[in-house]
Amino acid sequence: ADFLKIPVGARETSLGGAFTAVADNANAVYYNPAGLGLLQNPEVSFTHNKFVEGVAQQWLAAAYPYKTGAFGLGINYLSVSPFDAYDNADNPTGSVSAYDAAAYLSWGGRSPLDYKFLRSVSYGASAKYISEKLDTESGAGYGLDLGFLAATAVENLRFGFNIENAVSTKIKFIADGARPPLRFKTGVMYEIRYHAVTAARFALDYVF
């Protein structure tokens, strides 16, 4: 499932994927589901990424606020154009293609607080189904991402934490498979606002 390491969304990709503490739109489904709790209005996001030669990626996300949180959906699809295939004797055998796909179902909520150091906390989870295919062989599995966001008493300063594949199953092709990697992402974001308008935003992520 290495394709899940490729950033999605134009804005998020331009930030190098440093979106764990920002996560303020429908793409929070991918980066930090806790960010869905910040949404005030329904959102849809679509990205077409013409990656390297013959490889293209499509990303579609939607989020809908409901009561104290928001539901989110996402589809990540990476495809490889058919290319020539040969047998061991170097004879043409037609063509080979491949694809990777993941479907997300997410929820994020938010709880206001009145603590000395915290103004609010947001929390969320994304359940995902992963499917991969290379020529005639395919494999599939599941994963669960968990997210957390904290708005501090310092205005416009926010911290985020996300666990990718906190729970996962093996993706098996022919022999023993492997689980998608467990990844921890921490982030911090600070905004400079001028007359209620964001003038600058700084974001930093550390992934391990």
C-alpha atoms as a PDB file:
ATOM      1  CA  ALA A   1       0.000   0.000   0.000  1.00  0.00           C
ATOM      2  CA  ASP A   2       2.864   2.392  -0.736  1.00  0.00           C
ATOM      3  CA  PHE A   3       0.511   4.469  -2.890  1.00  0.00           C
ATOM      4  CA  LEU A   4      -1.055   5.786   0.331  1.00  0.00           C
ATOM      5  CA  LYS A   5       2.160   7.740   0.955  1.00  0.00           C
ATOM      6  CA  ILE A   6       1.514   9.955  -2.087  1.00  0.00           C
ATOM      7  CA  PRO A   7      -0.080  13.237  -0.893  1.00  0.00           C
ATOM      8  CA  VAL A   8      -3.585  14.083  -2.117  1.00  0.00           C
ATOM      9  CA  GLY A   9      -5.085  17.500  -2.766  1.00  0.00           C
ATOM     10  CA  ALA A  10      -3.337  20.370  -4.536  1.00  0.00           C
ATOM     11  CA  ARG A  11      -3.129  22.652  -1.507  1.00  0.00           C
ATOM     12  CA  GLU A  12      -1.940  19.871   0.775  1.00  0.00           C
ATOM     13  CA  THR A  13       0.644  18.599  -1.703  1.00  0.00           C
ATOM     14  CA  SER A  14       2.064  22.117  -2.118  1.00  0.00           C
ATOM     15  CA  LEU A  15       2.609  22.098   1.663  1.00  0.00           C
ATOM     16  CA  GLY A  16       4.556  18.852   1.417  1.00  0.00           C
ATOM     17  CA  GLY A  17       1.725  17.009   3.143  1.00  0.00           C
ATOM     18  CA  ALA A  18       2.176  19.028   6.368  1.00  0.00           C
ATOM     19  CA  PHE A  19      -1.548  19.063   7.088  1.00  0.00           C
ATOM     20  CA  THR A  20      -1.966  17.097  10.329  1.00  0.00           C
ATOM     21  CA  ALA A  21      -2.695  20.181  12.432  1.00  0.00           C
ATOM     22  CA  VAL A  22      -4.372  22.157   9.628  1.00  0.00           C
ATOM     23  CA  ALA A  23      -6.932  19.560   8.386  1.00  0.00           C
ATOM     24  CA  ASP A  24      -9.708  22.096   7.874  1.00  0.00           C
ATOM     25  CA  ASN A  25     -11.418  20.758   4.750  1.00  0.00           C
ATOM     26  CA  ALA A  26     -12.840  17.561   3.225  1.00  0.00           C
ATOM     27  CA  ASN A  27      -9.314  16.186   2.706  1.00  0.00           C
ATOM     28  CA  ALA A  28      -9.097  15.719   6.470  1.00  0.00           C
ATOM     29  CA  VAL A  29     -10.487  12.256   5.620  1.00  0.00           C
ATOM     30  CA  TYR A  30      -6.952  11.406   4.467  1.00  0.00           C
ATOM     31  CA  TYR A  31      -4.701  13.616   6.633  1.00  0.00           C
ATOM     32  CA  ASN A  32      -6.426  13.736  10.004  1.00  0.00           C
ATOM     33  CA  PRO A  33     -10.105  12.784  10.419  1.00  0.00           C
ATOM     34  CA  ALA A  34     -10.297  14.888  13.578  1.00  0.00           C
ATOM     35  CA  GLY A  35     -10.291  17.937  11.295  1.00  0.00           C
ATOM     36  CA  LEU A  36     -13.793  17.042  10.083  1.00  0.00           C
ATOM     37  CA  GLY A  37     -15.029  18.370  13.408  1.00  0.00           C
ATOM     38  CA  LEU A  38     -13.948  21.874  12.325  1.00  0.00           C
ATOM     39  CA  LEU A  39     -16.151  21.997   9.220  1.00  0.00           C
ATOM     40  CA  GLN A  40     -19.123  24.366   9.148  1.00  0.00           C
ATOM     41  CA  ASN A  41     -20.393  23.619   5.626  1.00  0.00           C
ATOM     42  CA  PRO A  42     -20.530  20.612   3.256  1.00  0.00           C
ATOM     43  CA  GLU A  43     -17.435  20.290   1.072  1.00  0.00           C
ATOM     44  CA  VAL A  44     -16.288  18.303  -1.956  1.00  0.00           C
ATOM     45  CA  SER A  45     -12.683  17.966  -3.134  1.00  0.00           C
ATOM     46  CA  PHE A  46     -11.361  16.409  -6.348  1.00  0.00           C
ATOM     47  CA  THR A  47      -7.780  16.097  -7.555  1.00  0.00           C
ATOM     48  CA  HIS A  48      -6.290  14.617 -10.727  1.00  0.00           C
ATOM     49  CA  ASN A  49      -2.565  13.949 -10.386  1.00  0.00           C
ATOM     50  CA  LYS A  50      -0.651  13.028 -13.537  1.00  0.00           C
ATOM     51  CA  PHE A  51       2.181  11.448 -11.576  1.00  0.00           C
ATOM     52  CA  VAL A  52       5.184   9.803 -13.289  1.00  0.00           C
ATOM     53  CA  GLU A  53       5.140   8.355 -16.806  1.00  0.00           C
ATOM     54  CA  GLY A  54       2.044   6.182 -17.295  1.00  0.00           C
ATOM     55  CA  VAL A  55       0.862   6.611 -13.688  1.00  0.00           C
ATOM     56  CA  ALA A  56      -2.146   8.735 -12.717  1.00  0.00           C
ATOM     57  CA  GLN A  57      -3.923   9.315  -9.412  1.00  0.00           C
ATOM     58  CA  GLN A  58      -7.491  10.424  -8.728  1.00  0.00           C
ATOM     59  CA  TRP A  59      -8.712  11.618  -5.331  1.00  0.00           C
ATOM     60  CA  LEU A  60     -12.303  12.410  -4.411  1.00  0.00           C
ATOM     61  CA  ALA A  61     -13.448  13.460  -0.939  1.00  0.00           C
ATOM     62  CA  ALA A  62     -16.719  14.745   0.491  1.00  0.00           C
ATOM     63  CA  ALA A  63     -17.686  15.894   3.970  1.00  0.00           C
ATOM     64  CA  TYR A  64     -21.065  16.716   5.501  1.00  0.00           C
ATOM     65  CA  PRO A  65     -21.413  18.385   8.928  1.00  0.00           C
ATOM     66  CA  TYR A  66     -23.935  16.777  11.249  1.00  0.00           C
ATOM     67  CA  LYS A  67     -24.670  17.956  14.800  1.00  0.00           C
ATOM     68  CA  THR A  68     -21.354  18.142  16.721  1.00  0.00           C
ATOM     69  CA  GLY A  69     -19.194  16.712  13.933  1.00  0.00           C
ATOM     70  CA  ALA A  70     -19.076  15.676  10.298  1.00  0.00           C
ATOM     71  CA  PHE A  71     -19.141  12.546   8.165  1.00  0.00           C
ATOM     72  CA  GLY A  72     -16.539  12.093   5.437  1.00  0.00           C
ATOM     73  CA  LEU A  73     -16.024   9.886   2.398  1.00  0.00           C
ATOM     74  CA  GLY A  74     -12.904   9.483   0.273  1.00  0.00           C
ATOM     75  CA  ILE A  75     -11.710   7.494  -2.744  1.00  0.00           C
ATOM     76  CA  ASN A  76      -8.037   7.242  -3.688  1.00  0.00           C
ATOM     77  CA  TYR A  77      -7.307   5.552  -7.045  1.00  0.00           C
ATOM     78  CA  LEU A  78      -3.854   5.109  -8.584  1.00  0.00           C
ATOM     79  CA  SER A  79      -3.631   3.443 -12.006  1.00  0.00           C
ATOM     80  CA  VAL A  80      -0.838   2.339 -14.318  1.00  0.00           C
ATOM     81  CA  SER A  81      -1.462   2.434 -18.074  1.00  0.00           C
ATOM     82  CA  PRO A  82      -1.164  -0.951 -19.832  1.00  0.00           C
ATOM     83  CA  PHE A  83       2.384  -1.741 -20.957  1.00  0.00           C
ATOM     84  CA  ASP A  84       3.921  -4.556 -23.028  1.00  0.00           C
ATOM     85  CA  ALA A  85       4.475  -7.913 -21.336  1.00  0.00           C
ATOM     86  CA  TYR A  86       6.850 -10.755 -22.283  1.00  0.00           C
ATOM     87  CA  ASP A  87       7.413 -14.350 -21.180  1.00  0.00           C
ATOM     88  CA  ASN A  88      10.721 -15.898 -20.106  1.00  0.00           C
ATOM     89  CA  ALA A  89      11.674 -16.455 -23.758  1.00  0.00           C
ATOM     90  CA  ASP A  90      11.128 -12.762 -24.486  1.00  0.00           C
ATOM     91  CA  ASN A  91       8.003 -13.438 -26.545  1.00  0.00           C
ATOM     92  CA  PRO A  92       5.211 -10.817 -26.408  1.00  0.00           C
ATOM     93  CA  THR A  93       2.259 -11.951 -24.293  1.00  0.00           C
ATOM     94  CA  GLY A  94       0.034  -8.903 -24.571  1.00  0.00           C
ATOM     95  CA  SER A  95      -0.065  -6.168 -21.954  1.00  0.00           C
ATOM     96  CA  VAL A  96      -0.004  -5.738 -18.201  1.00  0.00           C
ATOM     97  CA  SER A  97      -1.691  -3.080 -16.063  1.00  0.00           C
ATOM     98  CA  ALA A  98      -2.068  -2.360 -12.380  1.00  0.00           C
ATOM     99  CA  TYR A  99      -4.100  -0.268  -9.956  1.00  0.00           C
ATOM    100  CA  ASP A 100      -4.271   0.589  -6.263  1.00  0.00           C
ATOM    101  CA  ALA A 101      -7.421   1.859  -4.576  1.00  0.00           C
ATOM    102  CA  ALA A 102      -8.615   2.853  -1.122  1.00  0.00           C
ATOM    103  CA  ALA A 103     -12.095   3.849   0.049  1.00  0.00           C
ATOM    104  CA  TYR A 104     -12.514   5.857   3.271  1.00  0.00           C
ATOM    105  CA  LEU A 105     -15.464   6.242   5.627  1.00  0.00           C
ATOM    106  CA  SER A 106     -14.783   8.848   8.317  1.00  0.00           C
ATOM    107  CA  TRP A 107     -16.254  10.722  11.245  1.00  0.00           C
ATOM    108  CA  GLY A 108     -14.876  13.674  13.149  1.00  0.00           C
ATOM    109  CA  GLY A 109     -16.259  15.483  16.181  1.00  0.00           C
ATOM    110  CA  ARG A 110     -15.405  18.543  18.277  1.00  0.00           C
ATOM    111  CA  SER A 111     -15.798  19.369  21.964  1.00  0.00           C
ATOM    112  CA  PRO A 112     -15.373  22.957  23.261  1.00  0.00           C
ATOM    113  CA  LEU A 113     -13.406  23.234  26.495  1.00  0.00           C
ATOM    114  CA  ASP A 114     -12.818  25.908  29.066  1.00  0.00           C
ATOM    115  CA  TYR A 115      -9.422  24.840  30.354  1.00  0.00           C
ATOM    116  CA  LYS A 116      -6.458  27.079  30.996  1.00  0.00           C
ATOM    117  CA  PHE A 117      -4.413  25.553  28.166  1.00  0.00           C
ATOM    118  CA  LEU A 118      -7.079  24.153  25.801  1.00  0.00           C
ATOM    119  CA  ARG A 119     -10.001  25.842  24.067  1.00  0.00           C
ATOM    120  CA  SER A 120     -11.286  22.749  22.242  1.00  0.00           C
ATOM    121  CA  VAL A 121     -10.393  19.225  21.184  1.00  0.00           C
ATOM    122  CA  SER A 122     -11.376  17.397  18.022  1.00  0.00           C
ATOM    123  CA  TYR A 123     -11.250  13.664  17.435  1.00  0.00           C
ATOM    124  CA  GLY A 124     -11.957  11.373  14.517  1.00  0.00           C
ATOM    125  CA  ALA A 125     -11.449   8.040  12.778  1.00  0.00           C
ATOM    126  CA  SER A 126     -11.225   6.811   9.191  1.00  0.00           C
ATOM    127  CA  ALA A 127     -11.985   3.204   8.282  1.00  0.00           C
ATOM    128  CA  LYS A 128     -10.541   2.281   4.896  1.00  0.00           C
ATOM    129  CA  TYR A 129     -10.755  -0.604   2.453  1.00  0.00           C
ATOM    130  CA  ILE A 130      -7.593  -1.129   0.402  1.00  0.00           C
ATOM    131  CA  SER A 131      -7.503  -3.028  -2.895  1.00  0.00           C
ATOM    132  CA  GLU A 132      -4.496  -3.626  -5.169  1.00  0.00           C
ATOM    133  CA  LYS A 133      -4.138  -5.482  -8.458  1.00  0.00           C
ATOM    134  CA  LEU A 134      -1.144  -6.340 -10.644  1.00  0.00           C
ATOM    135  CA  ASP A 135      -2.051  -8.118 -13.894  1.00  0.00           C
ATOM    136  CA  THR A 136      -4.165 -11.117 -12.805  1.00  0.00           C
ATOM    137  CA  GLU A 137      -3.198 -11.088  -9.117  1.00  0.00           C
ATOM    138  CA  SER A 138      -4.995  -9.001  -6.519  1.00  0.00           C
ATOM    139  CA  GLY A 139      -5.033  -8.412  -2.782  1.00  0.00           C
ATOM    140  CA  ALA A 140      -7.207  -6.516  -0.334  1.00  0.00           C
ATOM    141  CA  GLY A 141      -7.260  -5.470   3.303  1.00  0.00           C
ATOM    142  CA  TYR A 142      -8.568  -2.994   5.849  1.00  0.00           C
ATOM    143  CA  GLY A 143      -7.070  -0.218   7.937  1.00  0.00           C
ATOM    144  CA  LEU A 144      -8.160   2.233  10.624  1.00  0.00           C
ATOM    145  CA  ASP A 145      -6.747   5.746  11.090  1.00  0.00           C
ATOM    146  CA  LEU A 146      -7.228   7.716  14.322  1.00  0.00           C
ATOM    147  CA  GLY A 147      -6.862  11.488  14.689  1.00  0.00           C
ATOM    148  CA  PHE A 148      -6.750  14.194  17.348  1.00  0.00           C
ATOM    149  CA  LEU A 149      -6.610  18.008  17.237  1.00  0.00           C
ATOM    150  CA  ALA A 150      -6.203  20.508  20.069  1.00  0.00           C
ATOM    151  CA  ALA A 151      -6.823  24.247  19.891  1.00  0.00           C
ATOM    152  CA  THR A 152      -4.671  25.891  22.555  1.00  0.00           C
ATOM    153  CA  ALA A 153      -5.275  28.938  24.706  1.00  0.00           C
ATOM    154  CA  VAL A 154      -2.797  30.746  22.431  1.00  0.00           C
ATOM    155  CA  GLU A 155      -5.088  32.090  19.742  1.00  0.00           C
ATOM    156  CA  ASN A 156      -4.587  30.518  16.284  1.00  0.00           C
ATOM    157  CA  LEU A 157      -2.163  27.856  17.606  1.00  0.00           C
ATOM    158  CA  ARG A 158      -3.218  24.252  17.032  1.00  0.00           C
ATOM    159  CA  PHE A 159      -1.620  20.832  17.547  1.00  0.00           C
ATOM    160  CA  GLY A 160      -2.501  17.593  15.762  1.00  0.00           C
ATOM    161  CA  PHE A 161      -1.778  13.899  16.075  1.00  0.00           C
ATOM    162  CA  ASN A 162      -2.704  11.082  13.701  1.00  0.00           C
ATOM    163  CA  ILE A 163      -2.107   7.324  13.709  1.00  0.00           C
ATOM    164  CA  GLU A 164      -2.289   5.710  10.277  1.00  0.00           C
ATOM    165  CA  ASN A 165      -3.173   2.014  10.212  1.00  0.00           C
ATOM    166  CA  ALA A 166      -3.608   1.830  13.982  1.00  0.00           C
ATOM    167  CA  VAL A 167      -5.483  -1.395  13.198  1.00  0.00           C
ATOM    168  CA  SER A 168      -4.939  -3.204   9.899  1.00  0.00           C
ATOM    169  CA  THR A 169      -5.137  -6.556   8.142  1.00  0.00           C
ATOM    170  CA  LYS A 170      -2.614  -8.186   5.820  1.00  0.00           C
ATOM    171  CA  ILE A 171      -2.826  -7.537   2.091  1.00  0.00           C
ATOM    172  CA  LYS A 172      -2.079 -10.914   0.512  1.00  0.00           C
ATOM    173  CA  PHE A 173      -1.340 -11.571  -3.141  1.00  0.00           C
ATOM    174  CA  ILE A 174       0.082 -15.087  -3.704  1.00  0.00           C
ATOM    175  CA  ALA A 175       2.056 -16.050  -0.598  1.00  0.00           C
ATOM    176  CA  ASP A 176       2.097 -14.465   2.865  1.00  0.00           C
ATOM    177  CA  GLY A 177       1.077 -10.842   2.740  1.00  0.00           C
ATOM    178  CA  ALA A 178       2.060  -7.782   4.761  1.00  0.00           C
ATOM    179  CA  ARG A 179       0.234  -5.153   6.773  1.00  0.00           C
ATOM    180  CA  PRO A 180       0.247  -1.504   5.690  1.00  0.00           C
ATOM    181  CA  PRO A 181       2.898   0.352   7.719  1.00  0.00           C
ATOM    182  CA  LEU A 182       2.000   1.867  11.069  1.00  0.00           C
ATOM    183  CA  ARG A 183       2.701   5.605  10.876  1.00  0.00           C
ATOM    184  CA  PHE A 184       2.514   8.310  13.532  1.00  0.00           C
ATOM    185  CA  LYS A 185       2.104  11.921  12.445  1.00  0.00           C
ATOM    186  CA  THR A 186       2.416  14.926  14.738  1.00  0.00           C
ATOM    187  CA  GLY A 187       1.869  18.487  13.623  1.00  0.00           C
ATOM    188  CA  VAL A 188       1.613  22.090  14.730  1.00  0.00           C
ATOM    189  CA  MET A 189      -0.019  25.034  12.970  1.00  0.00           C
ATOM    190  CA  TYR A 190       0.035  28.758  13.685  1.00  0.00           C
ATOM    191  CA  GLU A 191      -1.942  31.446  11.879  1.00  0.00           C
ATOM    192  CA  ILE A 192      -1.291  35.157  11.636  1.00  0.00           C
ATOM    193  CA  ARG A 193      -4.596  36.954  11.141  1.00  0.00           C
ATOM    194  CA  TYR A 194      -5.207  40.535  10.054  1.00  0.00           C
ATOM    195  CA  HIS A 195      -8.700  42.001  10.409  1.00  0.00           C
ATOM    196  CA  ALA A 196     -10.237  38.486  10.750  1.00  0.00           C
ATOM    197  CA  VAL A 197      -8.501  37.313   7.554  1.00  0.00           C
ATOM    198  CA  THR A 198      -5.693  34.754   7.522  1.00  0.00           C
ATOM    199  CA  ALA A 199      -2.561  36.572   6.380  1.00  0.00           C
ATOM    200  CA  ALA A 200      -0.122  33.687   6.848  1.00  0.00           C
ATOM    201  CA  ARG A 201      -0.208  30.111   8.062  1.00  0.00           C
ATOM    202  CA  PHE A 202       2.767  28.052   9.221  1.00  0.00           C
ATOM    203  CA  ALA A 203       2.541  24.268   9.419  1.00  0.00           C
ATOM    204  CA  LEU A 204       5.086  21.683  10.529  1.00  0.00           C
ATOM    205  CA  ASP A 205       4.706  17.887  10.533  1.00  0.00           C
ATOM    206  CA  TYR A 206       6.901  15.116  11.857  1.00  0.00           C
ATOM    207  CA  VAL A 207       6.156  11.613  10.570  1.00  0.00           C
ATOM    208  CA  PHE A 208       7.652   8.398  11.922  1.00  0.00           C
END
